[in-house]
Amino acid sequence: MRPAGRYAPSPTGPLHLGNVRTALLAWLDARSLSARFVLRIEDLDQQRCTPAARASLLQDLRWLGLDWDEGPDLGGAHGPYIQSQRQERYAAAVARLVHDQNAFSCSCSRAEIARAVSAPHAGEDGPRYPGSCHAGPGRPDRPTSTRLRVRDGRILFDDLVMGPQAFDVGATVGDFVIARADGVAAYQLAVSVDDSTMEITRVVRGDDLLSSTPRQLLVLDALGLRTPRYGHVPLLVDSSGQRLSKRGGALAVATLRDHGIRAESIVGWLARSAGLGDGQPCHPGDLLPRFDWARVPRTPSIVEESSLATLARG
């Protein structure tokens, strides 16, 4: 299989420097391997994702010099490239998991799960699921979500950036939701199915998604699908240590462009934050000869006002 990488943003607001840094590293990883590069739009959250934000996102990426071989505007052999148009694929995957007894229906609410456990684990998905509906939904009169049956033991993988990883999903999260009660696929299932059916071999994304990887590996294993190699890059953070947000419009690519800052200056600044350059203006392709994961920092990079001033001078 030919190597393939991807960038899979959610169009919920302006593309900011943190988003673009991850996109640049994903692009460099793919292009350094002469791999296909896929742009996929993750818009499962239909209330927050907008067509205007999607159009702006594509414009910003192209303005910065990042291109792709397959995507929502180009098409390709593995489309569609917008998650909201792929629901039939997700439904088929859920049906297969249920048929194989790797998933089950659950009628529990979050409040009921919290009450059922004596020591709630305050994780990303709330308290650990206690297995209340393993034998069947406790309240069959309610709409039910679908949960993956999680096997015991640690999930191991070697991250391109962070090195060897071990997670015990059963102990910390338990059986997790793969389809909501309204039938919409959950993130962990949709991303897993998409990466496999699009034949993605390299997944480069922010380290805020590191703990999602073992759950996606469990989904892929249960479906008998090929697993990609993962790489999680530390985020850009502000001076208080908070990761950059789409609500912080001052660091949006469109805002910087409107202030007359050149695309090459932004790319050069991002390259410096990723250990791949000295901050001089450049095109993404100029970074390929020096791209090496060993150069990329393993800790968050702080966005200081003084460092942003170099953009205006570029």
Protein backbone atom coordinates (compact mmCIF):
# COMPACT_ATOMS: atom_id res chain seq x y z
CA MET A 1 0.00 0.00 0.00
CA ARG A 2 1.32 3.43 -0.93
CA PRO A 3 1.95 5.58 2.18
CA ALA A 4 -0.77 8.13 2.87
CA GLY A 5 -1.14 10.92 5.40
CA ARG A 6 -4.05 13.17 6.20
CA TYR A 7 -5.18 16.38 7.83
CA ALA A 8 -8.69 16.22 9.23
CA PRO A 9 -9.87 19.55 10.68
CA SER A 10 -13.31 20.44 12.02
CA PRO A 11 -14.70 23.64 10.43
CA THR A 12 -16.02 25.19 13.63
CA GLY A 13 -14.20 28.53 13.39
CA PRO A 14 -11.20 30.33 11.96
CA LEU A 15 -8.04 28.35 11.26
CA HIS A 16 -5.43 29.55 13.79
CA LEU A 17 -1.69 29.09 14.15
CA GLY A 18 -2.05 25.98 16.30
CA ASN A 19 -4.21 24.25 13.68
CA VAL A 20 -1.84 25.23 10.89
CA ARG A 21 1.25 24.02 12.74
CA THR A 22 -0.28 20.55 12.97
CA ALA A 23 -1.32 20.72 9.31
CA LEU A 24 2.21 21.72 8.29
CA LEU A 25 3.79 18.82 10.21
CA ALA A 26 1.27 16.33 8.79
CA TRP A 27 2.00 17.66 5.28
CA LEU A 28 5.77 17.49 5.78
CA ASP A 29 5.55 13.93 7.12
CA ALA A 30 3.54 12.80 4.08
CA ARG A 31 5.53 14.68 1.46
CA SER A 32 8.86 13.51 2.92
CA LEU A 33 7.66 9.95 2.21
CA SER A 34 6.25 10.79 -1.25
CA ALA A 35 2.90 9.79 0.22
CA ARG A 36 -0.65 10.67 -0.78
CA PHE A 37 -1.96 13.54 1.32
CA VAL A 38 -5.67 13.63 2.08
CA LEU A 39 -7.78 16.50 3.38
CA ARG A 40 -10.85 15.25 5.26
CA ILE A 41 -13.47 17.45 6.86
CA GLU A 42 -14.70 16.21 10.24
CA ASP A 43 -18.12 17.78 10.66
CA LEU A 44 -20.01 15.31 12.85
CA ASP A 45 -20.90 18.26 15.10
CA GLN A 46 -23.37 19.78 12.66
CA GLN A 47 -24.44 22.48 15.12
CA ARG A 48 -20.94 24.00 15.24
CA CYS A 49 -19.56 23.23 11.77
CA THR A 50 -20.48 25.63 8.95
CA PRO A 51 -19.97 25.68 5.17
CA ALA A 52 -18.44 29.17 5.48
CA ALA A 53 -15.81 27.94 7.93
CA ARG A 54 -15.06 24.99 5.65
CA ALA A 55 -14.54 27.25 2.62
CA SER A 56 -12.32 29.59 4.66
CA LEU A 57 -10.26 26.65 5.93
CA LEU A 58 -9.49 25.43 2.41
CA GLN A 59 -8.60 28.95 1.30
CA ASP A 60 -6.23 29.48 4.24
CA LEU A 61 -4.41 26.18 3.72
CA ARG A 62 -3.88 26.85 0.02
CA TRP A 63 -2.73 30.41 0.69
CA LEU A 64 -0.05 29.03 3.02
CA GLY A 65 1.21 26.68 0.30
CA LEU A 66 -0.21 23.43 1.67
CA ASP A 67 -1.79 21.20 -0.97
CA TRP A 68 -3.50 17.80 -1.00
CA ASP A 69 -4.09 15.00 -3.47
CA GLU A 70 -7.62 14.06 -2.38
CA GLY A 71 -10.23 16.13 -0.61
CA PRO A 72 -13.71 17.63 -0.63
CA ASP A 73 -12.87 20.01 -3.48
CA LEU A 74 -10.79 17.58 -5.55
CA GLY A 75 -12.57 14.28 -5.01
CA GLY A 76 -10.63 11.04 -5.20
CA ALA A 77 -10.90 7.28 -5.01
CA HIS A 78 -11.69 7.22 -1.29
CA GLY A 79 -14.45 9.83 -0.99
CA PRO A 80 -16.61 11.39 0.07
CA TYR A 81 -14.21 13.48 2.13
CA ILE A 82 -16.79 15.08 4.42
CA GLN A 83 -17.84 13.00 7.42
CA SER A 84 -21.48 14.06 7.35
CA GLN A 85 -21.69 12.39 3.92
CA ARG A 86 -20.28 9.08 5.18
CA GLN A 87 -22.96 8.05 7.69
CA GLU A 88 -23.91 4.88 5.78
CA ARG A 89 -20.36 3.58 6.20
CA TYR A 90 -20.44 4.25 9.93
CA ALA A 91 -23.85 2.59 10.32
CA ALA A 92 -22.57 -0.51 8.52
CA ALA A 93 -19.54 -0.69 10.83
CA VAL A 94 -21.74 -0.37 13.93
CA ALA A 95 -24.10 -3.08 12.64
CA ARG A 96 -21.14 -5.41 12.05
CA LEU A 97 -19.76 -4.82 15.55
CA VAL A 98 -23.17 -5.54 17.10
CA HIS A 99 -23.61 -8.67 14.95
CA ASP A 100 -20.20 -9.95 16.05
CA GLN A 101 -21.08 -9.19 19.69
CA ASN A 102 -18.27 -6.66 19.90
CA ALA A 103 -20.78 -3.88 20.67
CA PHE A 104 -24.07 -3.60 22.52
CA SER A 105 -27.00 -1.23 23.06
CA CYS A 106 -26.98 0.97 26.15
CA SER A 107 -29.81 3.05 27.64
CA CYS A 108 -27.78 4.62 30.47
CA SER A 109 -27.63 8.38 30.90
CA ARG A 110 -24.46 10.13 32.10
CA ALA A 111 -26.12 10.84 35.44
CA GLU A 112 -27.03 7.17 35.90
CA ILE A 113 -23.47 6.09 35.13
CA ALA A 114 -22.11 8.60 37.63
CA ARG A 115 -24.46 7.29 40.33
CA ALA A 116 -23.54 3.66 39.57
CA VAL A 117 -19.83 4.01 40.28
CA SER A 118 -18.39 4.54 43.74
CA ALA A 119 -15.19 6.27 42.58
CA PRO A 120 -15.96 8.16 39.36
CA HIS A 121 -13.02 8.56 37.02
CA ALA A 122 -13.03 12.16 35.85
CA GLY A 123 -11.78 11.42 32.35
CA GLU A 124 -12.65 12.83 28.94
CA ASP A 125 -15.85 10.78 28.78
CA GLY A 126 -16.81 11.27 32.42
CA PRO A 127 -16.99 8.38 34.90
CA ARG A 128 -15.84 4.93 33.79
CA TYR A 129 -18.74 2.96 32.31
CA PRO A 130 -19.63 0.16 34.80
CA GLY A 131 -21.13 -2.27 32.27
CA SER A 132 -24.74 -1.76 33.32
CA CYS A 133 -26.23 -2.81 29.97
CA HIS A 134 -23.97 -5.76 29.12
CA ALA A 135 -26.92 -8.14 29.29
CA GLY A 136 -29.27 -5.77 27.48
CA PRO A 137 -30.54 -2.19 27.85
CA GLY A 138 -31.78 -1.49 31.36
CA ARG A 139 -34.42 0.84 29.92
CA PRO A 140 -35.44 -0.59 26.52
CA ASP A 141 -38.19 2.03 26.30
CA ARG A 142 -35.51 4.70 25.75
CA PRO A 143 -33.44 5.46 22.64
CA THR A 144 -30.16 3.59 23.02
CA SER A 145 -26.56 4.42 22.19
CA THR A 146 -24.11 1.72 21.09
CA ARG A 147 -20.95 0.94 23.05
CA LEU A 148 -17.87 -1.06 22.08
CA ARG A 149 -17.03 -3.96 24.38
CA VAL A 150 -13.55 -3.12 25.66
CA ARG A 151 -11.18 -5.99 26.39
CA ASP A 152 -9.08 -6.06 29.53
CA GLY A 153 -5.41 -5.16 29.46
CA ARG A 154 -3.15 -2.44 28.19
CA ILE A 155 -3.15 -1.13 24.63
CA LEU A 156 0.41 -0.55 23.42
CA PHE A 157 1.63 1.51 20.48
CA ASP A 158 4.77 3.37 19.46
CA ASP A 159 4.08 7.03 18.72
CA LEU A 160 6.16 8.77 16.06
CA VAL A 161 6.70 11.75 18.34
CA MET A 162 5.98 10.65 21.91
CA GLY A 163 7.51 7.19 21.76
CA PRO A 164 6.12 4.01 23.42
CA GLN A 165 2.64 4.41 24.89
CA ALA A 166 0.45 2.20 27.10
CA PHE A 167 -3.21 2.79 27.98
CA ASP A 168 -5.65 0.61 29.90
CA VAL A 169 -8.95 1.69 28.35
CA GLY A 170 -10.92 -0.91 30.25
CA ALA A 171 -9.72 0.43 33.60
CA THR A 172 -10.07 4.13 32.87
CA VAL A 173 -12.91 4.51 30.35
CA GLY A 174 -14.65 1.17 30.04
CA ASP A 175 -16.97 0.35 27.16
CA PHE A 176 -17.24 3.58 25.16
CA VAL A 177 -19.88 5.01 22.86
CA ILE A 178 -19.43 4.41 19.12
CA ALA A 179 -22.89 5.63 18.05
CA ARG A 180 -25.12 8.11 19.85
CA ALA A 181 -28.75 7.48 20.68
CA ASP A 182 -29.78 9.58 17.67
CA GLY A 183 -27.83 7.23 15.40
CA VAL A 184 -24.96 9.63 14.63
CA ALA A 185 -21.54 7.99 14.73
CA ALA A 186 -19.26 8.95 17.59
CA TYR A 187 -15.85 10.44 16.87
CA GLN A 188 -13.85 7.34 17.80
CA LEU A 189 -15.73 5.13 15.36
CA ALA A 190 -15.95 7.63 12.48
CA VAL A 191 -12.24 8.47 12.54
CA SER A 192 -11.26 4.81 12.71
CA VAL A 193 -13.46 3.82 9.77
CA ASP A 194 -12.34 6.83 7.73
CA ASP A 195 -8.63 6.28 8.27
CA SER A 196 -8.93 2.63 7.28
CA THR A 197 -11.20 3.01 4.24
CA MET A 198 -9.13 5.96 2.98
CA GLU A 199 -6.03 3.73 3.36
CA ILE A 200 -4.28 6.21 5.65
CA THR A 201 -0.97 4.86 6.92
CA ARG A 202 0.24 7.93 8.90
CA VAL A 203 -1.91 9.96 11.31
CA VAL A 204 -0.23 13.15 12.54
CA ARG A 205 -2.34 15.25 14.90
CA GLY A 206 -2.24 17.24 18.15
CA ASP A 207 -1.29 15.51 21.39
CA ASP A 208 -4.66 16.42 22.88
CA LEU A 209 -5.86 13.36 20.92
CA LEU A 210 -3.19 10.99 22.22
CA SER A 211 -5.62 9.25 24.59
CA SER A 212 -8.06 8.72 21.69
CA THR A 213 -5.60 6.46 19.90
CA PRO A 214 -6.04 3.32 22.07
CA ARG A 215 -9.81 3.54 21.62
CA GLN A 216 -9.42 3.83 17.87
CA LEU A 217 -7.04 0.87 17.89
CA LEU A 218 -9.71 -1.14 19.70
CA VAL A 219 -12.32 -0.19 17.08
CA LEU A 220 -10.00 -1.08 14.22
CA ASP A 221 -9.08 -4.40 15.83
CA ALA A 222 -12.73 -5.33 16.39
CA LEU A 223 -13.49 -4.58 12.74
CA GLY A 224 -10.40 -6.42 11.51
CA LEU A 225 -9.07 -3.27 9.82
CA ARG A 226 -5.51 -2.14 9.19
CA THR A 227 -4.03 0.30 11.74
CA PRO A 228 -2.02 3.39 10.77
CA ARG A 229 1.12 4.71 12.49
CA TYR A 230 0.29 7.60 14.83
CA GLY A 231 2.26 10.72 15.68
CA HIS A 232 1.03 13.27 18.23
CA VAL A 233 2.61 16.71 18.25
CA PRO A 234 2.62 19.05 21.26
CA LEU A 235 0.34 22.03 20.88
CA LEU A 236 0.98 25.74 20.69
CA VAL A 237 -0.04 27.37 23.98
CA ASP A 238 -0.40 30.94 25.20
CA SER A 239 1.70 32.49 27.96
CA SER A 240 -0.63 31.01 30.62
CA GLY A 241 -0.17 27.51 29.24
CA GLN A 242 -3.62 27.29 27.66
CA ARG A 243 -3.82 25.81 24.18
CA LEU A 244 -4.75 28.17 21.39
CA SER A 245 -8.47 28.39 20.71
CA LYS A 246 -10.51 29.22 17.64
CA ARG A 247 -12.12 31.87 19.81
CA GLY A 248 -8.79 33.70 19.91
CA GLY A 249 -9.26 35.43 16.58
CA ALA A 250 -6.05 37.48 16.78
CA LEU A 251 -4.03 34.40 15.84
CA ALA A 252 -6.35 33.34 13.00
CA VAL A 253 -4.65 32.92 9.63
CA ALA A 254 -7.25 35.14 7.94
CA THR A 255 -6.65 37.91 10.49
CA LEU A 256 -2.89 37.75 10.01
CA ARG A 257 -3.36 37.86 6.23
CA ASP A 258 -5.68 40.87 6.53
CA HIS A 259 -2.93 42.64 8.50
CA GLY A 260 -0.56 42.22 5.57
CA ILE A 261 1.51 39.36 6.99
CA ARG A 262 2.90 37.15 4.24
CA ALA A 263 2.19 33.42 4.03
CA GLU A 264 5.95 32.72 3.91
CA SER A 265 6.43 34.61 7.16
CA ILE A 266 3.81 32.48 8.90
CA VAL A 267 5.35 29.26 7.58
CA GLY A 268 8.81 30.37 8.70
CA TRP A 269 7.53 31.24 12.16
CA LEU A 270 5.77 27.88 12.48
CA ALA A 271 8.90 26.07 11.29
CA ARG A 272 10.90 27.72 14.06
CA SER A 273 8.35 26.70 16.70
CA ALA A 274 8.62 23.12 15.41
CA GLY A 275 12.44 23.06 15.49
CA LEU A 276 12.70 23.00 11.70
CA GLY A 277 13.99 26.47 10.90
CA ASP A 278 15.38 29.77 12.10
CA GLY A 279 12.21 31.78 11.56
CA GLN A 280 13.13 33.11 8.13
CA PRO A 281 10.23 33.32 5.64
CA CYS A 282 9.91 30.18 3.54
CA HIS A 283 7.55 27.96 1.56
CA PRO A 284 6.47 24.61 3.08
CA GLY A 285 8.45 22.77 0.41
CA ASP A 286 11.64 24.52 1.54
CA LEU A 287 11.40 22.63 4.85
CA LEU A 288 11.41 19.13 3.36
CA PRO A 289 15.22 18.70 3.26
CA ARG A 290 15.48 19.41 7.00
CA PHE A 291 12.31 17.64 8.15
CA ASP A 292 13.06 15.09 10.86
CA TRP A 293 10.83 14.04 13.76
CA ALA A 294 13.90 14.09 16.01
CA ARG A 295 13.97 17.88 15.65
CA VAL A 296 10.35 18.44 16.72
CA PRO A 297 9.94 19.42 20.41
CA ARG A 298 8.17 16.99 22.74
CA THR A 299 6.80 19.82 24.89
CA PRO A 300 4.28 22.59 24.08
CA SER A 301 5.58 25.70 22.33
CA ILE A 302 4.60 29.01 23.93
CA VAL A 303 3.29 31.79 21.72
CA GLU A 304 4.75 35.02 23.14
CA GLU A 305 3.87 38.49 21.90
CA SER A 306 7.56 39.11 21.24
CA SER A 307 7.80 36.04 19.03
CA LEU A 308 4.69 37.04 17.11
CA ALA A 309 6.35 40.36 16.34
CA THR A 310 8.71 38.48 14.01
CA LEU A 311 5.74 37.75 11.78
CA ALA A 312 5.15 41.41 11.13
CA ARG A 313 8.82 41.92 10.29
CA GLY A 314 8.97 38.93 7.91
